[in-house]
């Protein structure tokens, strides 16, 4: 009987995405932008949400997220 063990490692980056429209767009924006330089992203975890206020109105939505991606085999 052959016993194969598959070991996979992941790296996690903490990032902040922004949007003038919504927190959901802020998350989408950070994933899109990160995808330009990071391959094989697997998960995004929203850590915190906040917003910038100006003149008693929300003007910018921010999402602090953790994005995980699979490390490549050498």
C-alpha atoms as a PDB file:
ATOM      1  CA  UNK A   1       0.000   0.000   0.000  1.00  0.00           C
ATOM      2  CA  UNK A   2       1.380   3.383  -1.046  1.00  0.00           C
ATOM      3  CA  UNK A   3       0.803   6.177   1.429  1.00  0.00           C
ATOM      4  CA  UNK A   4       1.116   9.599  -0.232  1.00  0.00           C
ATOM      5  CA  UNK A   5       1.220  12.719   1.923  1.00  0.00           C
ATOM      6  CA  UNK A   6       0.420  15.999   0.212  1.00  0.00           C
ATOM      7  CA  UNK A   7       1.921  18.996   1.984  1.00  0.00           C
ATOM      8  CA  UNK A   8       0.888  22.441   0.846  1.00  0.00           C
ATOM      9  CA  UNK A   9       1.993  25.773   2.261  1.00  0.00           C
ATOM     10  CA  UNK A  10       0.255  29.116   1.994  1.00  0.00           C
ATOM     11  CA  UNK A  11       1.345  32.699   2.537  1.00  0.00           C
ATOM     12  CA  UNK A  12      -0.997  35.341   3.969  1.00  0.00           C
ATOM     13  CA  UNK A  13      -0.826  39.035   3.103  1.00  0.00           C
ATOM     14  CA  UNK A  14      -2.668  41.733   5.032  1.00  0.00           C
ATOM     15  CA  UNK A  15      -3.920  44.457   2.699  1.00  0.00           C
ATOM     16  CA  UNK A  16      -6.342  47.389   2.594  1.00  0.00           C
ATOM     17  CA  UNK A  17      -8.749  47.961  -0.284  1.00  0.00           C
ATOM     18  CA  UNK A  18     -10.744  51.127  -0.869  1.00  0.00           C
ATOM     19  CA  UNK A  19     -13.843  52.138  -2.799  1.00  0.00           C
ATOM     20  CA  UNK A  20     -16.041  55.185  -3.156  1.00  0.00           C
ATOM     21  CA  UNK A  21     -19.101  52.893  -3.484  1.00  0.00           C
ATOM     22  CA  UNK A  22     -19.133  50.054  -0.920  1.00  0.00           C
ATOM     23  CA  UNK A  23     -17.184  47.699   1.323  1.00  0.00           C
ATOM     24  CA  UNK A  24     -17.868  44.882  -1.127  1.00  0.00           C
ATOM     25  CA  UNK A  25     -16.228  46.890  -3.902  1.00  0.00           C
ATOM     26  CA  UNK A  26     -13.294  47.641  -1.596  1.00  0.00           C
ATOM     27  CA  UNK A  27     -12.745  43.885  -1.139  1.00  0.00           C
ATOM     28  CA  UNK A  28     -13.131  43.232  -4.867  1.00  0.00           C
ATOM     29  CA  UNK A  29     -10.654  46.020  -5.644  1.00  0.00           C
ATOM     30  CA  UNK A  30      -7.942  44.680  -3.340  1.00  0.00           C
ATOM     31  CA  UNK A  31      -8.352  41.153  -4.732  1.00  0.00           C
ATOM     32  CA  UNK A  32      -8.230  42.453  -8.318  1.00  0.00           C
ATOM     33  CA  UNK A  33      -5.166  44.607  -7.665  1.00  0.00           C
ATOM     34  CA  UNK A  34      -3.343  41.866  -5.750  1.00  0.00           C
ATOM     35  CA  UNK A  35      -4.069  39.415  -8.564  1.00  0.00           C
ATOM     36  CA  UNK A  36      -1.895  41.517 -10.880  1.00  0.00           C
ATOM     37  CA  UNK A  37       1.239  40.350  -9.048  1.00  0.00           C
ATOM     38  CA  UNK A  38       0.216  37.364  -6.904  1.00  0.00           C
ATOM     39  CA  UNK A  39      -0.761  34.021  -8.434  1.00  0.00           C
ATOM     40  CA  UNK A  40      -2.972  31.268  -7.087  1.00  0.00           C
ATOM     41  CA  UNK A  41      -4.911  33.258  -4.483  1.00  0.00           C
ATOM     42  CA  UNK A  42      -7.225  30.976  -2.486  1.00  0.00           C
ATOM     43  CA  UNK A  43      -9.111  32.948   0.189  1.00  0.00           C
ATOM     44  CA  UNK A  44      -9.853  36.461   1.344  1.00  0.00           C
ATOM     45  CA  UNK A  45     -10.779  37.106   4.972  1.00  0.00           C
ATOM     46  CA  UNK A  46     -12.269  40.465   5.901  1.00  0.00           C
ATOM     47  CA  UNK A  47     -10.590  41.643   9.113  1.00  0.00           C
ATOM     48  CA  UNK A  48     -12.126  45.092   9.612  1.00  0.00           C
ATOM     49  CA  UNK A  49     -14.330  47.541   7.794  1.00  0.00           C
ATOM     50  CA  UNK A  50     -14.218  51.297   8.213  1.00  0.00           C
ATOM     51  CA  UNK A  51     -15.154  54.412   6.295  1.00  0.00           C
ATOM     52  CA  UNK A  52     -13.877  57.947   5.866  1.00  0.00           C
ATOM     53  CA  UNK A  53     -16.387  60.700   6.593  1.00  0.00           C
ATOM     54  CA  UNK A  54     -16.354  64.215   5.112  1.00  0.00           C
ATOM     55  CA  UNK A  55     -19.102  66.795   5.489  1.00  0.00           C
ATOM     56  CA  UNK A  56     -21.158  64.287   7.484  1.00  0.00           C
ATOM     57  CA  UNK A  57     -21.172  61.806   4.575  1.00  0.00           C
ATOM     58  CA  UNK A  58     -19.303  58.573   3.958  1.00  0.00           C
ATOM     59  CA  UNK A  59     -16.855  59.304   1.146  1.00  0.00           C
ATOM     60  CA  UNK A  60     -14.559  56.262   1.147  1.00  0.00           C
ATOM     61  CA  UNK A  61     -15.112  52.658   2.233  1.00  0.00           C
ATOM     62  CA  UNK A  62     -12.073  50.673   3.437  1.00  0.00           C
ATOM     63  CA  UNK A  63     -11.689  46.945   3.985  1.00  0.00           C
ATOM     64  CA  UNK A  64      -8.671  45.473   5.730  1.00  0.00           C
ATOM     65  CA  UNK A  65      -8.324  41.904   4.475  1.00  0.00           C
ATOM     66  CA  UNK A  66      -6.045  38.891   4.644  1.00  0.00           C
ATOM     67  CA  UNK A  67      -5.439  37.231   1.276  1.00  0.00           C
ATOM     68  CA  UNK A  68      -3.926  33.752   1.185  1.00  0.00           C
ATOM     69  CA  UNK A  69      -2.179  32.190  -1.771  1.00  0.00           C
ATOM     70  CA  UNK A  70      -0.502  28.877  -2.401  1.00  0.00           C
ATOM     71  CA  UNK A  71       3.294  28.819  -2.437  1.00  0.00           C
ATOM     72  CA  UNK A  72       4.789  27.373  -5.589  1.00  0.00           C
ATOM     73  CA  UNK A  73       6.892  24.226  -5.507  1.00  0.00           C
ATOM     74  CA  UNK A  74      10.547  24.783  -6.311  1.00  0.00           C
END
